[in-house]
N, C-alpha and C. Protein backbone atom coordinates (compact mmCIF):
# COMPACT_ATOMS: atom_id res chain seq x y z
N UNK A 1 -10.78 7.21 4.63
CA UNK A 1 -10.97 7.42 3.23
C UNK A 1 -9.69 7.00 2.50
N UNK A 2 -9.88 6.42 1.31
CA UNK A 2 -8.76 6.02 0.48
C UNK A 2 -8.89 6.74 -0.86
N UNK A 3 -7.81 7.40 -1.26
CA UNK A 3 -7.78 8.11 -2.53
C UNK A 3 -6.60 7.57 -3.35
N UNK A 4 -6.77 7.57 -4.67
CA UNK A 4 -5.67 7.14 -5.53
C UNK A 4 -5.31 8.27 -6.50
N UNK A 5 -4.06 8.25 -6.91
CA UNK A 5 -3.55 9.23 -7.86
C UNK A 5 -2.74 8.47 -8.91
N UNK A 6 -3.15 8.57 -10.14
CA UNK A 6 -2.44 7.90 -11.23
C UNK A 6 -1.85 8.91 -12.21
N UNK A 7 -1.61 10.13 -11.74
CA UNK A 7 -1.09 11.17 -12.64
C UNK A 7 0.31 10.85 -13.16
N UNK A 8 1.09 10.09 -12.41
CA UNK A 8 2.40 9.63 -12.87
C UNK A 8 2.22 8.18 -13.31
N UNK A 9 2.40 7.91 -14.58
CA UNK A 9 2.16 6.58 -15.12
C UNK A 9 3.07 5.52 -14.52
N UNK A 10 4.15 5.94 -13.88
CA UNK A 10 5.10 4.98 -13.32
C UNK A 10 4.76 4.53 -11.91
N UNK A 11 4.01 5.38 -11.18
CA UNK A 11 3.73 5.08 -9.77
C UNK A 11 2.25 5.27 -9.48
N UNK A 12 1.64 4.26 -8.88
CA UNK A 12 0.28 4.38 -8.38
C UNK A 12 0.38 4.87 -6.94
N UNK A 13 -0.22 6.01 -6.66
CA UNK A 13 -0.19 6.57 -5.31
C UNK A 13 -1.52 6.29 -4.64
N UNK A 14 -1.45 5.70 -3.46
CA UNK A 14 -2.64 5.38 -2.68
C UNK A 14 -2.52 6.13 -1.36
N UNK A 15 -3.46 7.04 -1.10
CA UNK A 15 -3.43 7.85 0.13
C UNK A 15 -4.54 7.41 1.07
N UNK A 16 -4.15 7.06 2.29
CA UNK A 16 -5.11 6.75 3.34
C UNK A 16 -5.23 7.99 4.20
N UNK A 17 -6.46 8.48 4.37
CA UNK A 17 -6.69 9.72 5.12
C UNK A 17 -7.81 9.53 6.14
N UNK A 18 -7.66 10.18 7.27
CA UNK A 18 -8.72 10.13 8.26
C UNK A 18 -8.97 8.73 8.77
N UNK A 19 -10.22 8.29 8.70
CA UNK A 19 -10.62 6.96 9.15
C UNK A 19 -10.61 6.00 7.98
N UNK A 20 -9.97 4.84 8.15
CA UNK A 20 -9.96 3.79 7.14
C UNK A 20 -10.53 2.53 7.77
N UNK A 21 -11.39 1.86 7.02
CA UNK A 21 -11.95 0.58 7.46
C UNK A 21 -11.14 -0.55 6.82
N UNK A 22 -10.95 -1.64 7.56
CA UNK A 22 -10.20 -2.77 7.03
C UNK A 22 -10.85 -3.30 5.76
N UNK A 23 -12.18 -3.38 5.74
CA UNK A 23 -12.87 -3.89 4.55
C UNK A 23 -12.66 -2.96 3.34
N UNK A 24 -12.52 -1.66 3.61
CA UNK A 24 -12.26 -0.69 2.55
C UNK A 24 -10.85 -0.91 1.96
N UNK A 25 -9.88 -1.14 2.84
CA UNK A 25 -8.51 -1.38 2.43
C UNK A 25 -8.41 -2.68 1.62
N UNK A 26 -9.06 -3.73 2.09
CA UNK A 26 -9.07 -5.00 1.39
C UNK A 26 -9.82 -4.90 0.06
N UNK A 27 -10.91 -4.15 0.07
CA UNK A 27 -11.70 -3.96 -1.13
C UNK A 27 -10.92 -3.29 -2.25
N UNK A 28 -10.02 -2.41 -1.87
CA UNK A 28 -9.20 -1.74 -2.87
C UNK A 28 -8.34 -2.75 -3.62
N UNK A 29 -7.83 -3.74 -2.92
CA UNK A 29 -7.02 -4.78 -3.57
C UNK A 29 -7.88 -5.57 -4.56
N UNK A 30 -9.12 -5.84 -4.19
CA UNK A 30 -10.01 -6.57 -5.09
C UNK A 30 -10.24 -5.78 -6.38
N UNK A 31 -10.34 -4.47 -6.28
CA UNK A 31 -10.51 -3.63 -7.47
C UNK A 31 -9.28 -3.72 -8.38
N UNK A 32 -8.11 -3.80 -7.77
CA UNK A 32 -6.87 -3.85 -8.55
C UNK A 32 -6.70 -5.19 -9.26
N UNK A 33 -7.24 -6.24 -8.69
CA UNK A 33 -7.12 -7.56 -9.31
C UNK A 33 -7.66 -7.56 -10.73
N UNK A 34 -8.75 -6.86 -10.95
CA UNK A 34 -9.39 -6.86 -12.25
C UNK A 34 -8.79 -5.90 -13.26
N UNK A 35 -7.88 -5.06 -12.83
CA UNK A 35 -7.27 -4.06 -13.72
C UNK A 35 -6.24 -4.72 -14.64
N UNK A 36 -6.09 -4.15 -15.81
CA UNK A 36 -5.07 -4.61 -16.75
C UNK A 36 -3.80 -3.82 -16.50
N UNK A 37 -3.08 -4.18 -15.47
CA UNK A 37 -1.83 -3.51 -15.16
C UNK A 37 -0.85 -4.56 -14.66
N UNK A 38 0.41 -4.28 -14.85
CA UNK A 38 1.40 -5.23 -14.35
C UNK A 38 2.68 -4.49 -13.98
N UNK A 39 3.30 -4.99 -12.97
CA UNK A 39 4.58 -4.48 -12.47
C UNK A 39 4.58 -2.99 -12.21
N UNK A 40 3.54 -2.52 -11.59
CA UNK A 40 3.45 -1.13 -11.15
C UNK A 40 4.31 -0.93 -9.92
N UNK A 41 4.71 0.30 -9.72
CA UNK A 41 5.29 0.72 -8.46
C UNK A 41 4.12 1.33 -7.69
N UNK A 42 4.03 1.10 -6.40
CA UNK A 42 2.93 1.67 -5.62
C UNK A 42 3.50 2.38 -4.40
N UNK A 43 3.02 3.59 -4.19
CA UNK A 43 3.37 4.38 -3.01
C UNK A 43 2.12 4.43 -2.13
N UNK A 44 2.20 3.83 -0.96
CA UNK A 44 1.11 3.88 0.01
C UNK A 44 1.45 5.01 0.98
N UNK A 45 0.69 6.08 0.90
CA UNK A 45 0.93 7.26 1.73
C UNK A 45 -0.08 7.27 2.87
N UNK A 46 0.40 6.96 4.07
CA UNK A 46 -0.47 6.89 5.25
C UNK A 46 -0.22 8.08 6.19
N UNK A 47 0.40 9.14 5.70
CA UNK A 47 0.76 10.28 6.57
C UNK A 47 -0.44 10.95 7.20
N UNK A 48 -1.58 10.97 6.52
CA UNK A 48 -2.78 11.64 7.04
C UNK A 48 -3.78 10.66 7.64
N UNK A 49 -3.36 9.43 7.83
CA UNK A 49 -4.22 8.43 8.46
C UNK A 49 -4.35 8.74 9.95
N UNK A 50 -5.58 8.87 10.39
CA UNK A 50 -5.83 9.22 11.80
C UNK A 50 -6.35 8.04 12.61
N UNK A 51 -7.15 7.19 11.96
CA UNK A 51 -7.76 6.08 12.68
C UNK A 51 -8.00 4.94 11.71
N UNK A 52 -7.73 3.72 12.19
CA UNK A 52 -7.98 2.54 11.38
C UNK A 52 -8.92 1.66 12.18
N UNK A 53 -10.13 1.47 11.69
CA UNK A 53 -11.08 0.60 12.36
C UNK A 53 -10.55 -0.83 12.22
N UNK A 54 -10.11 -1.39 13.33
CA UNK A 54 -9.43 -2.67 13.31
C UNK A 54 -10.38 -3.87 13.29
N UNK A 55 -11.67 -3.61 13.23
CA UNK A 55 -12.64 -4.70 13.15
C UNK A 55 -12.36 -5.52 11.89
N UNK A 56 -12.17 -6.79 12.08
CA UNK A 56 -11.89 -7.66 10.94
C UNK A 56 -10.44 -7.68 10.52
N UNK A 57 -9.57 -6.99 11.25
CA UNK A 57 -8.15 -6.94 10.89
C UNK A 57 -7.52 -8.30 11.15
N UNK A 58 -7.02 -8.92 10.11
CA UNK A 58 -6.37 -10.23 10.22
C UNK A 58 -5.63 -10.51 8.93
N UNK A 59 -4.83 -11.56 8.94
CA UNK A 59 -4.14 -11.97 7.72
C UNK A 59 -5.18 -12.33 6.66
N UNK A 60 -6.23 -13.03 7.07
CA UNK A 60 -7.28 -13.43 6.11
C UNK A 60 -7.95 -12.21 5.47
N UNK A 61 -8.15 -11.16 6.24
CA UNK A 61 -8.80 -9.95 5.71
C UNK A 61 -7.93 -9.26 4.67
N UNK A 62 -6.62 -9.47 4.76
CA UNK A 62 -5.71 -8.82 3.82
C UNK A 62 -5.32 -9.73 2.65
N UNK A 63 -5.88 -10.92 2.57
CA UNK A 63 -5.55 -11.85 1.49
C UNK A 63 -5.82 -11.30 0.09
N UNK A 64 -6.82 -10.43 -0.10
CA UNK A 64 -6.97 -9.85 -1.44
C UNK A 64 -5.70 -9.17 -1.95
N UNK A 65 -4.88 -8.65 -1.04
CA UNK A 65 -3.62 -8.03 -1.45
C UNK A 65 -2.64 -9.09 -1.96
N UNK A 66 -2.75 -10.30 -1.46
CA UNK A 66 -1.91 -11.39 -1.96
C UNK A 66 -2.26 -11.68 -3.42
N UNK A 67 -3.55 -11.67 -3.73
CA UNK A 67 -3.99 -11.91 -5.11
C UNK A 67 -3.63 -10.75 -6.03
N UNK A 68 -3.62 -9.53 -5.50
CA UNK A 68 -3.30 -8.35 -6.30
C UNK A 68 -1.79 -8.14 -6.45
N UNK A 69 -1.00 -8.79 -5.61
CA UNK A 69 0.45 -8.57 -5.57
C UNK A 69 1.17 -8.74 -6.91
N UNK A 70 0.77 -9.68 -7.77
CA UNK A 70 1.48 -9.83 -9.04
C UNK A 70 1.45 -8.56 -9.92
N UNK A 71 0.55 -7.64 -9.63
CA UNK A 71 0.49 -6.39 -10.38
C UNK A 71 1.61 -5.42 -9.99
N UNK A 72 2.26 -5.68 -8.86
CA UNK A 72 3.21 -4.72 -8.31
C UNK A 72 4.63 -5.27 -8.29
N UNK A 73 5.55 -4.41 -8.68
CA UNK A 73 6.97 -4.74 -8.62
C UNK A 73 7.53 -4.35 -7.25
N UNK A 74 7.16 -3.14 -6.81
CA UNK A 74 7.65 -2.67 -5.51
C UNK A 74 6.63 -1.73 -4.89
N UNK A 75 6.67 -1.67 -3.56
CA UNK A 75 5.74 -0.85 -2.79
C UNK A 75 6.50 -0.11 -1.70
N UNK A 76 6.26 1.18 -1.61
CA UNK A 76 6.79 2.00 -0.51
C UNK A 76 5.61 2.38 0.37
N UNK A 77 5.77 2.21 1.66
CA UNK A 77 4.72 2.57 2.62
C UNK A 77 5.26 3.69 3.49
N UNK A 78 4.62 4.84 3.43
CA UNK A 78 5.02 5.97 4.27
C UNK A 78 4.04 6.03 5.43
N UNK A 79 4.56 5.90 6.65
CA UNK A 79 3.65 5.84 7.80
C UNK A 79 4.32 6.30 9.08
N UNK A 80 3.50 6.74 9.99
CA UNK A 80 3.94 7.09 11.33
C UNK A 80 4.13 5.79 12.11
N UNK A 81 4.90 5.83 13.17
CA UNK A 81 5.19 4.65 13.97
C UNK A 81 3.97 3.97 14.56
N UNK A 82 2.90 4.71 14.76
CA UNK A 82 1.68 4.12 15.33
C UNK A 82 1.10 3.05 14.40
N UNK A 83 1.46 3.08 13.12
CA UNK A 83 0.93 2.12 12.14
C UNK A 83 1.94 1.02 11.80
N UNK A 84 2.96 0.83 12.64
CA UNK A 84 3.99 -0.19 12.37
C UNK A 84 3.39 -1.59 12.20
N UNK A 85 2.45 -1.95 13.06
CA UNK A 85 1.87 -3.29 13.01
C UNK A 85 1.15 -3.53 11.68
N UNK A 86 0.35 -2.56 11.27
CA UNK A 86 -0.40 -2.69 10.03
C UNK A 86 0.55 -2.72 8.83
N UNK A 87 1.54 -1.85 8.84
CA UNK A 87 2.50 -1.80 7.74
C UNK A 87 3.30 -3.11 7.65
N UNK A 88 3.68 -3.66 8.80
CA UNK A 88 4.45 -4.90 8.81
C UNK A 88 3.65 -6.07 8.26
N UNK A 89 2.39 -6.17 8.65
CA UNK A 89 1.55 -7.26 8.15
C UNK A 89 1.29 -7.09 6.65
N UNK A 90 0.99 -5.89 6.23
CA UNK A 90 0.76 -5.61 4.82
C UNK A 90 2.02 -5.95 4.00
N UNK A 91 3.18 -5.52 4.49
CA UNK A 91 4.44 -5.79 3.80
C UNK A 91 4.73 -7.29 3.74
N UNK A 92 4.45 -8.01 4.81
CA UNK A 92 4.71 -9.45 4.83
C UNK A 92 3.87 -10.18 3.78
N UNK A 93 2.63 -9.77 3.64
CA UNK A 93 1.76 -10.39 2.63
C UNK A 93 2.30 -10.13 1.23
N UNK A 94 2.74 -8.91 0.97
CA UNK A 94 3.28 -8.59 -0.35
C UNK A 94 4.62 -9.28 -0.60
N UNK A 95 5.48 -9.31 0.41
CA UNK A 95 6.79 -9.96 0.25
C UNK A 95 6.65 -11.45 -0.03
N UNK A 96 5.64 -12.06 0.57
CA UNK A 96 5.40 -13.48 0.33
C UNK A 96 5.13 -13.74 -1.16
N UNK A 97 4.66 -12.71 -1.85
CA UNK A 97 4.38 -12.80 -3.29
C UNK A 97 5.51 -12.17 -4.12
N UNK A 98 6.68 -12.01 -3.50
CA UNK A 98 7.90 -11.51 -4.17
C UNK A 98 7.84 -10.05 -4.60
N UNK A 99 7.10 -9.25 -3.86
CA UNK A 99 7.07 -7.80 -4.10
C UNK A 99 8.11 -7.17 -3.18
N UNK A 100 8.91 -6.26 -3.71
CA UNK A 100 9.86 -5.51 -2.88
C UNK A 100 9.07 -4.47 -2.09
N UNK A 101 9.26 -4.44 -0.78
CA UNK A 101 8.51 -3.51 0.07
C UNK A 101 9.47 -2.83 1.03
N UNK A 102 9.27 -1.55 1.20
CA UNK A 102 10.08 -0.79 2.17
C UNK A 102 9.19 0.23 2.85
N UNK A 103 9.37 0.38 4.16
CA UNK A 103 8.64 1.39 4.94
C UNK A 103 9.50 2.63 5.10
N UNK A 104 8.82 3.76 5.13
CA UNK A 104 9.48 5.06 5.25
C UNK A 104 8.76 5.90 6.30
N UNK A 105 9.49 6.72 6.98
CA UNK A 105 8.90 7.66 7.95
C UNK A 105 8.24 8.82 7.20
N UNK A 106 7.31 9.53 7.83
CA UNK A 106 6.55 10.60 7.15
C UNK A 106 7.37 11.67 6.46
N UNK A 107 8.54 11.99 6.92
CA UNK A 107 9.34 13.03 6.29
C UNK A 107 10.12 12.57 5.08
N UNK A 108 9.93 11.34 4.67
CA UNK A 108 10.76 10.75 3.62
C UNK A 108 10.02 10.51 2.30
N UNK A 109 9.01 11.31 2.01
CA UNK A 109 8.24 11.12 0.78
C UNK A 109 9.12 11.17 -0.47
N UNK A 110 9.99 12.15 -0.56
CA UNK A 110 10.82 12.26 -1.77
C UNK A 110 11.78 11.08 -1.89
N UNK A 111 12.33 10.62 -0.77
CA UNK A 111 13.22 9.46 -0.80
C UNK A 111 12.47 8.20 -1.22
N UNK A 112 11.27 8.03 -0.71
CA UNK A 112 10.47 6.86 -1.07
C UNK A 112 10.11 6.89 -2.56
N UNK A 113 9.74 8.05 -3.05
CA UNK A 113 9.41 8.19 -4.47
C UNK A 113 10.63 7.90 -5.35
N UNK A 114 11.77 8.41 -4.95
CA UNK A 114 13.00 8.17 -5.72
C UNK A 114 13.37 6.70 -5.71
N UNK A 115 13.21 6.03 -4.56
CA UNK A 115 13.48 4.61 -4.47
C UNK A 115 12.62 3.83 -5.47
N UNK A 116 11.33 4.17 -5.53
CA UNK A 116 10.44 3.51 -6.49
C UNK A 116 10.86 3.78 -7.93
N UNK A 117 11.18 5.02 -8.23
CA UNK A 117 11.59 5.36 -9.60
C UNK A 117 12.88 4.65 -10.00
N UNK A 118 13.79 4.48 -9.06
CA UNK A 118 15.05 3.78 -9.34
C UNK A 118 14.82 2.30 -9.65
N UNK A 119 13.74 1.75 -9.11
CA UNK A 119 13.43 0.35 -9.34
C UNK A 119 12.59 0.12 -10.59
N UNK A 120 12.09 1.20 -11.15
CA UNK A 120 11.20 1.08 -12.33
C UNK A 120 11.92 0.53 -13.53
């Protein structure tokens, strides 16, 4: 499941929880493409992610994030080590589009948030 929180106008928070499908993750980027937003900070919180259905997992499957990247100035990804591969590929796609990306361990939520706010 993917949930978003826009209560802080400066940071878009995206929480991945439980089981996430690759098509669901890619679909979220497609939704963002049509939004009237620019240079957002995004916090990807994967702390409660338990399983990622890897069917269809590829660079091509994540290309919608390349198209959505111009909306973002910087992205923090909070994740457990088991998700290093996914975080690295996601970060590489965003960095290719000149988005600042940094990964953080699960206990570093406040540091990741502060990093994003400092870049705002």
